[in-house]
């Protein structure tokens, strides 16, 4: 029996926009510590196997309410169904004929949920990788992020930009330029300029997350997008500044200027704080990390921070102090 097993990994935004649907610039890393995995095998019909992520059994109404508050209303099945539908439509649009064999697909993930590590897009990409191999279809690298984004935005109504999907497709360390001058069409999908950078340019990086007080990405992004689209000057200027920080961060990486990179990371968070109403527990994560001497900013929509640290002594101090406020610190495998 043919069995296909594919993974896609969590990611963290190092510099740039909180979400990059603003024609800005950003730098991201992959985090191979955490992954979403799809397993596809031939079957008589097309079946999607439910997992614990698609939870429908609760010990009480309070257990249900707590689960929804932390994780939203949806598990992974909607992501897989949307991925399959959009893959079929992509092939139809490009006049690619698919064979008529069927499959069953199941999934699992260890990406902490709703803390801004891009778990949804990881599962979509893992599913697409399975489908591409099963049908022997090669979707170009530069197109894959835009296809994943279209699944989340158009099929599922999730507010998102391309950053997460680009780094999850290319992996490693990537600088992205979403300026309109970089835009071009590949079929019916927009793509931009993506520049993979050598991972050995990175200094010592830590990531810390707290998934006890998280909230769905859909909740987080909607308001800032509306303010931007309405032309609110403070938000528009902040987005331009985020892009500049990413541009300067690329230079700092290429020059291996760790001090400058840390300063830019801190400025990235301070700029974000100037336009968002942030939860106090999220601010506390950044403040505690900075008190340890590390730089710190959000790695995504909230619940996870990323930054630079100097040495093992500082890392151990970070681990202890952040654990005191319920956060877990890891060294990302990039």
Protein backbone atom coordinates (compact mmCIF):
# COMPACT_ATOMS: atom_id res chain seq x y z
CA UNK A 1 0.00 0.00 0.00
CA UNK A 2 1.25 3.46 -0.92
CA UNK A 3 1.77 5.59 2.21
CA UNK A 4 2.86 9.24 1.98
CA UNK A 5 4.01 11.10 5.08
CA UNK A 6 4.76 14.85 4.92
CA UNK A 7 5.52 17.51 7.52
CA UNK A 8 5.53 21.29 7.64
CA UNK A 9 7.01 23.23 10.53
CA UNK A 10 6.14 26.07 12.87
CA UNK A 11 7.61 29.48 12.17
CA UNK A 12 8.55 32.68 13.99
CA UNK A 13 8.67 36.20 12.62
CA UNK A 14 12.07 37.72 13.42
CA UNK A 15 11.44 41.22 12.09
CA UNK A 16 8.82 43.12 10.13
CA UNK A 17 5.05 43.42 10.10
CA UNK A 18 2.88 41.58 12.63
CA UNK A 19 1.11 40.20 9.58
CA UNK A 20 2.46 41.03 6.16
CA UNK A 21 -0.65 41.75 4.14
CA UNK A 22 0.48 45.38 3.93
CA UNK A 23 3.05 45.31 1.08
CA UNK A 24 5.88 45.50 3.59
CA UNK A 25 9.00 43.49 4.34
CA UNK A 26 9.69 40.78 6.88
CA UNK A 27 12.25 38.20 8.03
CA UNK A 28 11.21 34.82 9.41
CA UNK A 29 12.71 31.57 10.60
CA UNK A 30 11.42 28.01 10.60
CA UNK A 31 11.15 26.13 13.92
CA UNK A 32 11.68 22.43 13.33
CA UNK A 33 11.01 21.67 17.01
CA UNK A 34 7.28 21.81 16.18
CA UNK A 35 5.50 20.33 13.18
CA UNK A 36 2.22 19.36 11.59
CA UNK A 37 2.15 16.01 9.82
CA UNK A 38 -0.25 14.63 7.24
CA UNK A 39 -0.31 10.95 6.32
CA UNK A 40 -2.06 9.90 3.11
CA UNK A 41 -2.62 6.35 1.85
CA UNK A 42 -4.65 4.78 -0.93
CA UNK A 43 -8.23 3.92 0.00
CA UNK A 44 -11.51 2.94 -1.63
CA UNK A 45 -13.06 6.36 -1.00
CA UNK A 46 -11.82 9.80 0.06
CA UNK A 47 -11.78 9.69 3.87
CA UNK A 48 -10.53 12.23 6.43
CA UNK A 49 -9.77 10.60 9.77
CA UNK A 50 -10.79 12.65 12.81
CA UNK A 51 -8.22 13.16 15.55
CA UNK A 52 -8.12 14.69 19.02
CA UNK A 53 -7.74 18.10 17.35
CA UNK A 54 -11.34 17.70 16.15
CA UNK A 55 -12.56 17.37 19.71
CA UNK A 56 -16.28 16.80 20.22
CA UNK A 57 -16.31 15.15 23.68
CA UNK A 58 -16.10 17.24 26.86
CA UNK A 59 -16.36 16.46 30.55
CA UNK A 60 -18.69 19.43 31.18
CA UNK A 61 -20.01 22.62 29.65
CA UNK A 62 -17.18 24.44 31.45
CA UNK A 63 -14.63 22.16 29.79
CA UNK A 64 -16.19 22.96 26.40
CA UNK A 65 -16.19 26.70 27.11
CA UNK A 66 -12.55 26.62 28.18
CA UNK A 67 -11.51 24.67 25.08
CA UNK A 68 -13.28 27.11 22.74
CA UNK A 69 -11.77 30.10 24.56
CA UNK A 70 -8.25 28.72 24.17
CA UNK A 71 -8.47 27.08 20.75
CA UNK A 72 -11.42 28.52 18.86
CA UNK A 73 -14.26 26.54 17.35
CA UNK A 74 -12.37 24.55 14.78
CA UNK A 75 -10.04 21.59 14.62
CA UNK A 76 -7.95 20.42 11.70
CA UNK A 77 -10.61 18.78 9.56
CA UNK A 78 -11.74 22.08 8.01
CA UNK A 79 -8.12 22.79 7.02
CA UNK A 80 -7.71 19.44 5.28
CA UNK A 81 -11.06 19.67 3.48
CA UNK A 82 -10.24 23.19 2.27
CA UNK A 83 -6.77 22.05 1.15
CA UNK A 84 -8.15 19.19 -0.93
CA UNK A 85 -10.84 21.39 -2.52
CA UNK A 86 -8.37 24.13 -3.41
CA UNK A 87 -5.82 21.65 -4.77
CA UNK A 88 -8.46 20.24 -7.11
CA UNK A 89 -9.46 23.73 -8.24
CA UNK A 90 -5.81 24.71 -8.79
CA UNK A 91 -5.37 21.67 -11.04
CA UNK A 92 -8.59 22.41 -12.91
CA UNK A 93 -7.56 26.04 -13.48
CA UNK A 94 -4.19 24.90 -14.83
CA UNK A 95 -5.77 22.09 -16.90
CA UNK A 96 -3.95 19.38 -14.95
CA UNK A 97 -5.76 16.02 -15.09
CA UNK A 98 -5.78 13.95 -11.89
CA UNK A 99 -5.87 10.16 -11.76
CA UNK A 100 -8.99 8.54 -10.29
CA UNK A 101 -7.49 6.66 -7.32
CA UNK A 102 -8.81 7.67 -3.88
CA UNK A 103 -7.14 8.09 -0.51
CA UNK A 104 -7.57 8.38 3.23
CA UNK A 105 -5.76 11.15 5.10
CA UNK A 106 -5.07 11.67 8.78
CA UNK A 107 -3.00 14.20 10.63
CA UNK A 108 -1.29 15.06 13.89
CA UNK A 109 0.54 18.11 15.17
CA UNK A 110 2.64 19.15 18.14
CA UNK A 111 2.59 22.86 17.29
CA UNK A 112 1.27 24.76 20.35
CA UNK A 113 -2.17 26.03 19.39
CA UNK A 114 -3.20 29.66 19.00
CA UNK A 115 0.11 31.19 20.13
CA UNK A 116 1.17 32.66 16.78
CA UNK A 117 3.37 29.80 15.50
CA UNK A 118 1.34 29.26 12.29
CA UNK A 119 -0.07 25.83 13.07
CA UNK A 120 -2.98 26.16 10.63
CA UNK A 121 -0.85 26.95 7.60
CA UNK A 122 1.60 24.18 8.57
CA UNK A 123 -1.18 21.58 8.42
CA UNK A 124 -2.44 22.94 5.09
CA UNK A 125 1.06 22.80 3.60
CA UNK A 126 1.69 19.28 4.91
CA UNK A 127 -1.58 18.17 3.28
CA UNK A 128 -0.67 19.85 -0.02
CA UNK A 129 2.72 18.12 0.01
CA UNK A 130 0.95 14.77 0.36
CA UNK A 131 -1.45 15.60 -2.47
CA UNK A 132 1.34 16.71 -4.78
CA UNK A 133 3.18 13.43 -4.30
CA UNK A 134 0.05 11.27 -4.54
CA UNK A 135 -0.97 12.85 -7.84
CA UNK A 136 2.61 13.48 -9.04
CA UNK A 137 1.89 17.20 -9.46
CA UNK A 138 4.64 19.78 -9.05
CA UNK A 139 3.35 23.15 -7.85
CA UNK A 140 6.22 25.67 -8.15
CA UNK A 141 7.84 26.75 -4.88
CA UNK A 142 7.02 30.43 -5.35
CA UNK A 143 3.35 29.58 -5.96
CA UNK A 144 2.83 27.32 -2.94
CA UNK A 145 2.72 30.13 -0.31
CA UNK A 146 0.09 32.02 -2.29
CA UNK A 147 -2.00 28.87 -2.70
CA UNK A 148 -1.87 28.17 1.04
CA UNK A 149 -2.82 31.78 1.76
CA UNK A 150 -5.77 31.60 -0.64
CA UNK A 151 -7.02 28.51 1.21
CA UNK A 152 -6.93 30.30 4.55
CA UNK A 153 -8.37 33.62 3.37
CA UNK A 154 -10.80 32.64 0.64
CA UNK A 155 -11.97 29.25 1.88
CA UNK A 156 -11.79 29.71 5.65
CA UNK A 157 -12.00 33.47 6.23
CA UNK A 158 -8.79 33.62 8.26
CA UNK A 159 -7.08 37.03 8.24
CA UNK A 160 -3.48 36.40 7.20
CA UNK A 161 -0.58 37.47 5.03
CA UNK A 162 2.03 35.57 3.05
CA UNK A 163 4.85 35.60 5.62
CA UNK A 164 3.96 32.34 7.41
CA UNK A 165 3.40 30.42 4.20
CA UNK A 166 6.61 31.62 2.54
CA UNK A 167 8.89 30.57 5.40
CA UNK A 168 7.06 27.24 5.78
CA UNK A 169 7.55 26.46 2.10
CA UNK A 170 11.17 27.64 1.80
CA UNK A 171 12.21 26.83 5.41
CA UNK A 172 15.44 28.08 7.03
CA UNK A 173 15.81 31.87 7.18
CA UNK A 174 14.04 34.04 4.59
CA UNK A 175 13.83 37.77 3.85
CA UNK A 176 10.61 38.72 2.06
CA UNK A 177 9.79 41.87 0.12
CA UNK A 178 6.07 42.33 -0.48
CA UNK A 179 6.31 45.76 -2.10
CA UNK A 180 3.89 46.14 -5.01
CA UNK A 181 6.83 46.63 -7.36
CA UNK A 182 7.89 43.04 -6.53
CA UNK A 183 4.46 41.62 -7.31
CA UNK A 184 3.87 39.32 -10.24
CA UNK A 185 1.32 36.70 -11.22
CA UNK A 186 1.91 32.98 -11.44
CA UNK A 187 -1.30 31.72 -13.00
CA UNK A 188 -4.01 33.41 -10.94
CA UNK A 189 -1.88 33.78 -7.78
CA UNK A 190 0.29 36.73 -6.71
CA UNK A 191 3.90 36.16 -5.70
CA UNK A 192 6.67 38.50 -4.53
CA UNK A 193 10.44 38.49 -3.91
CA UNK A 194 11.64 35.84 -1.47
CA UNK A 195 15.33 35.73 -0.53
CA UNK A 196 16.61 32.72 1.45
CA UNK A 197 19.55 33.72 3.67
CA UNK A 198 22.25 31.47 5.15
CA UNK A 199 21.14 30.23 8.56
CA UNK A 200 24.68 30.66 9.93
CA UNK A 201 24.12 34.43 9.80
CA UNK A 202 21.85 34.11 12.83
CA UNK A 203 23.14 34.82 16.34
CA UNK A 204 21.84 32.91 19.37
CA UNK A 205 18.04 32.87 19.10
CA UNK A 206 15.43 31.80 21.66
CA UNK A 207 11.68 31.33 21.37
CA UNK A 208 9.28 31.32 24.33
CA UNK A 209 5.56 30.55 24.33
CA UNK A 210 2.62 30.40 26.70
CA UNK A 211 -0.40 28.48 25.42
CA UNK A 212 -2.49 28.77 28.57
CA UNK A 213 -3.79 32.24 27.73
CA UNK A 214 -3.96 32.23 23.95
CA UNK A 215 -6.55 33.48 21.47
CA UNK A 216 -7.30 32.55 17.86
CA UNK A 217 -5.48 34.44 15.09
CA UNK A 218 -8.84 35.37 13.54
CA UNK A 219 -9.65 37.42 16.66
CA UNK A 220 -6.28 39.14 16.76
CA UNK A 221 -5.85 40.37 13.21
CA UNK A 222 -9.27 41.65 12.19
CA UNK A 223 -9.18 45.10 13.80
CA UNK A 224 -5.67 46.15 12.76
CA UNK A 225 -6.42 45.19 9.17
CA UNK A 226 -9.56 47.31 9.21
CA UNK A 227 -7.70 50.31 10.64
CA UNK A 228 -5.03 49.96 7.98
CA UNK A 229 -7.57 49.65 5.17
CA UNK A 230 -9.38 52.76 6.46
CA UNK A 231 -6.09 54.66 6.16
CA UNK A 232 -5.53 55.39 9.86
CA UNK A 233 -2.29 57.37 9.73
CA UNK A 234 -0.74 55.89 12.87
CA UNK A 235 -1.24 52.33 11.64
CA UNK A 236 -0.12 53.06 8.06
CA UNK A 237 3.08 54.74 9.30
CA UNK A 238 3.77 51.88 11.71
CA UNK A 239 3.50 49.36 8.87
CA UNK A 240 6.01 51.36 6.82
CA UNK A 241 8.33 51.41 9.82
CA UNK A 242 8.01 47.63 10.30
CA UNK A 243 9.14 47.18 6.70
CA UNK A 244 12.16 49.44 7.28
CA UNK A 245 13.10 47.46 10.39
CA UNK A 246 13.14 44.26 8.34
CA UNK A 247 15.30 45.93 5.70
CA UNK A 248 17.75 47.09 8.36
CA UNK A 249 17.62 43.65 9.97
CA UNK A 250 18.74 42.03 6.72
CA UNK A 251 21.76 44.35 6.72
CA UNK A 252 22.51 43.54 10.36
CA UNK A 253 22.37 39.81 9.61
CA UNK A 254 24.66 40.10 6.60
CA UNK A 255 27.11 42.14 8.71
CA UNK A 256 26.71 39.72 11.65
CA UNK A 257 25.93 42.73 13.84
CA UNK A 258 24.19 40.97 16.74
CA UNK A 259 23.87 44.11 18.86
CA UNK A 260 22.12 46.00 16.08
CA UNK A 261 19.80 43.08 15.36
CA UNK A 262 18.75 42.97 19.02
CA UNK A 263 18.02 46.69 18.99
CA UNK A 264 15.84 46.30 15.89
CA UNK A 265 13.94 43.42 17.48
CA UNK A 266 13.17 45.56 20.52
CA UNK A 267 12.13 48.49 18.35
CA UNK A 268 9.85 46.16 16.39
CA UNK A 269 7.91 45.32 19.55
CA UNK A 270 7.81 48.92 20.76
CA UNK A 271 6.32 49.98 17.43
CA UNK A 272 3.76 47.24 17.65
CA UNK A 273 2.81 48.27 21.16
CA UNK A 274 2.17 51.81 19.92
CA UNK A 275 -0.72 50.70 17.70
CA UNK A 276 -2.16 47.66 19.48
CA UNK A 277 -4.06 47.16 22.70
CA UNK A 278 -2.02 44.20 23.95
CA UNK A 279 -2.87 41.75 26.70
CA UNK A 280 -0.84 42.41 29.85
CA UNK A 281 0.39 38.81 30.05
CA UNK A 282 1.83 39.13 26.53
CA UNK A 283 3.60 42.38 27.42
CA UNK A 284 4.94 40.72 30.56
CA UNK A 285 6.65 38.00 28.52
CA UNK A 286 8.60 40.64 26.58
CA UNK A 287 9.42 42.68 29.67
CA UNK A 288 10.71 39.68 31.62
CA UNK A 289 12.93 38.63 28.69
CA UNK A 290 14.34 42.15 28.41
CA UNK A 291 15.03 42.23 32.15
CA UNK A 292 17.24 39.18 31.59
CA UNK A 293 19.24 41.17 29.02
CA UNK A 294 17.71 39.53 25.93
CA UNK A 295 15.94 41.26 23.08
CA UNK A 296 12.28 40.37 22.60
CA UNK A 297 9.29 40.81 20.30
CA UNK A 298 6.21 38.82 19.38
CA UNK A 299 6.92 35.95 17.00
CA UNK A 300 3.42 36.12 15.54
CA UNK A 301 -0.04 37.17 16.64
CA UNK A 302 0.69 36.82 20.35
CA UNK A 303 1.50 34.12 22.87
CA UNK A 304 5.03 33.55 21.57
CA UNK A 305 8.10 35.81 21.71
CA UNK A 306 11.43 35.63 19.94
CA UNK A 307 14.74 37.37 20.50
CA UNK A 308 18.50 37.17 20.80
CA UNK A 309 20.53 36.23 23.86
CA UNK A 310 24.25 36.47 24.62
CA UNK A 311 25.32 33.20 26.21
CA UNK A 312 24.22 30.05 28.01
CA UNK A 313 24.03 31.83 31.36
CA UNK A 314 21.53 34.33 29.94
CA UNK A 315 19.56 31.52 28.31
CA UNK A 316 19.26 29.64 31.61
CA UNK A 317 18.12 32.84 33.35
CA UNK A 318 15.54 33.39 30.60
CA UNK A 319 14.26 29.85 31.07
CA UNK A 320 13.86 30.28 34.82
CA UNK A 321 12.30 33.75 34.81
CA UNK A 322 9.88 33.04 31.96
CA UNK A 323 8.88 29.73 33.55
CA UNK A 324 7.82 31.72 36.62
CA UNK A 325 5.12 33.38 34.49
CA UNK A 326 4.06 30.16 32.78
CA UNK A 327 6.18 30.36 29.62
CA UNK A 328 8.31 27.64 28.01
CA UNK A 329 11.65 28.60 26.42
CA UNK A 330 13.22 26.64 23.56
CA UNK A 331 16.22 26.95 21.28
CA UNK A 332 14.71 26.78 17.79
CA UNK A 333 16.08 24.18 15.38
CA UNK A 334 16.27 26.18 12.17
